[in-house]
N, C-alpha and C. Protein backbone atom coordinates (compact mmCIF):
# COMPACT_ATOMS: atom_id res chain seq x y z
N MET A 1 0.84 -1.18 0.00
CA MET A 1 0.00 0.00 0.00
C MET A 1 0.89 1.24 0.00
N ASP A 2 0.58 2.18 -0.85
CA ASP A 2 1.34 3.41 -0.98
C ASP A 2 0.63 4.51 -0.18
N ARG A 3 1.08 4.72 1.05
CA ARG A 3 0.40 5.67 1.95
C ARG A 3 0.55 7.12 1.48
N ALA A 4 1.68 7.47 0.90
CA ALA A 4 1.88 8.85 0.43
C ALA A 4 0.90 9.19 -0.69
N ARG A 5 0.70 8.24 -1.59
CA ARG A 5 -0.25 8.47 -2.68
C ARG A 5 -1.68 8.55 -2.15
N GLY A 6 -2.01 7.72 -1.19
CA GLY A 6 -3.34 7.77 -0.59
C GLY A 6 -3.60 9.08 0.11
N MET A 7 -2.60 9.60 0.81
CA MET A 7 -2.75 10.89 1.49
C MET A 7 -2.81 12.03 0.48
N LYS A 8 -2.03 11.92 -0.59
CA LYS A 8 -1.98 12.98 -1.60
C LYS A 8 -3.34 13.19 -2.25
N PHE A 9 -4.06 12.14 -2.48
CA PHE A 9 -5.38 12.26 -3.10
C PHE A 9 -6.51 12.32 -2.07
N GLY A 10 -6.32 11.70 -0.93
CA GLY A 10 -7.38 11.61 0.06
C GLY A 10 -7.70 12.91 0.76
N LEU A 11 -6.69 13.64 1.18
CA LEU A 11 -6.93 14.89 1.91
C LEU A 11 -7.62 15.96 1.07
N PRO A 12 -7.17 16.25 -0.14
CA PRO A 12 -7.89 17.26 -0.93
C PRO A 12 -9.32 16.83 -1.27
N LEU A 13 -9.51 15.54 -1.52
CA LEU A 13 -10.85 15.06 -1.81
C LEU A 13 -11.77 15.19 -0.60
N ALA A 14 -11.26 14.89 0.57
CA ALA A 14 -12.05 15.05 1.80
C ALA A 14 -12.39 16.52 2.04
N LEU A 15 -11.46 17.40 1.74
CA LEU A 15 -11.72 18.83 1.89
C LEU A 15 -12.81 19.31 0.93
N VAL A 16 -12.74 18.85 -0.31
CA VAL A 16 -13.76 19.21 -1.30
C VAL A 16 -15.13 18.68 -0.87
N VAL A 17 -15.18 17.47 -0.36
CA VAL A 17 -16.45 16.88 0.09
C VAL A 17 -17.01 17.68 1.27
N ALA A 18 -16.16 18.04 2.23
CA ALA A 18 -16.63 18.78 3.40
C ALA A 18 -17.17 20.16 3.01
N VAL A 19 -16.45 20.86 2.14
CA VAL A 19 -16.89 22.20 1.73
C VAL A 19 -18.18 22.12 0.92
N SER A 20 -18.25 21.17 0.00
CA SER A 20 -19.47 21.06 -0.81
C SER A 20 -20.66 20.61 0.03
N ALA A 21 -20.43 19.73 1.00
CA ALA A 21 -21.53 19.31 1.88
C ALA A 21 -22.04 20.47 2.71
N LEU A 22 -21.13 21.28 3.23
CA LEU A 22 -21.56 22.45 4.01
C LEU A 22 -22.30 23.46 3.14
N MET A 23 -21.83 23.67 1.93
CA MET A 23 -22.51 24.60 1.03
C MET A 23 -23.91 24.11 0.71
N LEU A 24 -24.05 22.83 0.42
CA LEU A 24 -25.37 22.27 0.10
C LEU A 24 -26.30 22.33 1.31
N LEU A 25 -25.80 21.94 2.47
CA LEU A 25 -26.64 21.95 3.66
C LEU A 25 -27.02 23.36 4.08
N ASN A 26 -26.12 24.32 3.91
CA ASN A 26 -26.43 25.70 4.30
C ASN A 26 -27.41 26.36 3.35
N SER A 27 -27.40 25.96 2.09
CA SER A 27 -28.30 26.62 1.14
C SER A 27 -29.66 25.95 1.06
N ASP A 28 -29.71 24.63 1.11
CA ASP A 28 -30.97 23.92 0.88
C ASP A 28 -31.66 23.41 2.14
N HIS A 29 -30.91 23.20 3.20
CA HIS A 29 -31.47 22.57 4.40
C HIS A 29 -31.20 23.44 5.63
N THR A 30 -31.71 24.63 5.63
CA THR A 30 -31.47 25.56 6.73
C THR A 30 -32.23 25.19 7.99
N GLU A 31 -33.25 24.31 7.87
CA GLU A 31 -34.01 23.92 9.06
C GLU A 31 -33.25 22.93 9.94
N VAL A 32 -32.19 22.33 9.40
CA VAL A 32 -31.34 21.43 10.18
C VAL A 32 -30.44 22.28 11.07
N PRO A 33 -30.32 21.94 12.36
CA PRO A 33 -29.46 22.72 13.26
C PRO A 33 -28.01 22.77 12.76
N LEU A 34 -27.34 23.87 13.07
CA LEU A 34 -25.98 24.09 12.58
C LEU A 34 -25.02 23.00 13.06
N SER A 35 -25.16 22.57 14.30
CA SER A 35 -24.27 21.53 14.81
C SER A 35 -24.46 20.21 14.04
N SER A 36 -25.68 19.91 13.67
CA SER A 36 -25.93 18.69 12.90
C SER A 36 -25.37 18.81 11.49
N ARG A 37 -25.46 20.01 10.90
CA ARG A 37 -24.88 20.22 9.57
C ARG A 37 -23.38 19.99 9.60
N TRP A 38 -22.71 20.50 10.64
CA TRP A 38 -21.27 20.29 10.77
C TRP A 38 -20.94 18.81 10.93
N LEU A 39 -21.72 18.11 11.75
CA LEU A 39 -21.46 16.68 11.96
C LEU A 39 -21.66 15.89 10.68
N ILE A 40 -22.69 16.22 9.90
CA ILE A 40 -22.91 15.54 8.63
C ILE A 40 -21.74 15.78 7.68
N ALA A 41 -21.28 17.03 7.59
CA ALA A 41 -20.17 17.36 6.69
C ALA A 41 -18.87 16.69 7.12
N ILE A 42 -18.61 16.67 8.42
CA ILE A 42 -17.39 16.02 8.92
C ILE A 42 -17.44 14.52 8.69
N GLY A 43 -18.61 13.92 8.93
CA GLY A 43 -18.77 12.49 8.68
C GLY A 43 -18.57 12.13 7.22
N ALA A 44 -19.11 12.96 6.33
CA ALA A 44 -18.93 12.72 4.89
C ALA A 44 -17.46 12.85 4.50
N ALA A 45 -16.77 13.83 5.08
CA ALA A 45 -15.35 14.03 4.76
C ALA A 45 -14.51 12.85 5.25
N ILE A 46 -14.79 12.38 6.45
CA ILE A 46 -14.04 11.24 6.99
C ILE A 46 -14.30 9.99 6.16
N PHE A 47 -15.56 9.75 5.81
CA PHE A 47 -15.91 8.59 5.00
C PHE A 47 -15.22 8.65 3.64
N SER A 48 -15.25 9.81 2.99
CA SER A 48 -14.62 9.92 1.67
C SER A 48 -13.10 9.80 1.77
N PHE A 49 -12.52 10.30 2.86
CA PHE A 49 -11.07 10.17 3.04
C PHE A 49 -10.68 8.70 3.19
N ILE A 50 -11.42 7.96 3.97
CA ILE A 50 -11.09 6.54 4.19
C ILE A 50 -11.19 5.76 2.88
N ILE A 51 -12.29 5.97 2.15
CA ILE A 51 -12.47 5.25 0.89
C ILE A 51 -11.38 5.64 -0.12
N SER A 52 -11.11 6.94 -0.27
CA SER A 52 -10.11 7.36 -1.25
C SER A 52 -8.70 6.96 -0.82
N PHE A 53 -8.42 6.96 0.48
CA PHE A 53 -7.10 6.54 0.96
C PHE A 53 -6.86 5.08 0.61
N ILE A 54 -7.88 4.26 0.79
CA ILE A 54 -7.73 2.83 0.48
C ILE A 54 -7.59 2.63 -1.03
N LEU A 55 -8.49 3.26 -1.80
CA LEU A 55 -8.48 3.00 -3.24
C LEU A 55 -7.29 3.64 -3.96
N PHE A 56 -6.94 4.87 -3.62
CA PHE A 56 -5.81 5.52 -4.27
C PHE A 56 -4.47 5.01 -3.72
N GLY A 57 -4.48 4.43 -2.53
CA GLY A 57 -3.25 3.96 -1.93
C GLY A 57 -2.83 2.57 -2.37
N MET A 58 -3.68 1.91 -3.13
CA MET A 58 -3.32 0.55 -3.59
C MET A 58 -2.20 0.62 -4.61
N LYS A 59 -1.37 -0.37 -4.57
CA LYS A 59 -0.29 -0.48 -5.55
C LYS A 59 -0.87 -0.83 -6.92
N ASP A 60 -0.33 -0.22 -7.96
CA ASP A 60 -0.76 -0.54 -9.31
C ASP A 60 -0.15 -1.86 -9.75
N LYS A 61 -0.94 -2.66 -10.43
CA LYS A 61 -0.41 -3.92 -10.98
C LYS A 61 0.29 -3.60 -12.29
N GLU A 62 1.50 -4.10 -12.39
CA GLU A 62 2.29 -3.83 -13.60
C GLU A 62 2.49 -5.06 -14.40
């Protein structure tokens, strides 16, 4: 497993997911409490980081 490659792609992707989730929740779902919106966005970012870290961190078959 290539951890550097997983981190290189995982962190920016998690940041994009967190920002886009917050933007979507703040514009379309204002009735949801702010603390819940933050928790949803953080959970989505962590989930996307884990998945992308695993998938992008795999060694390529040559």
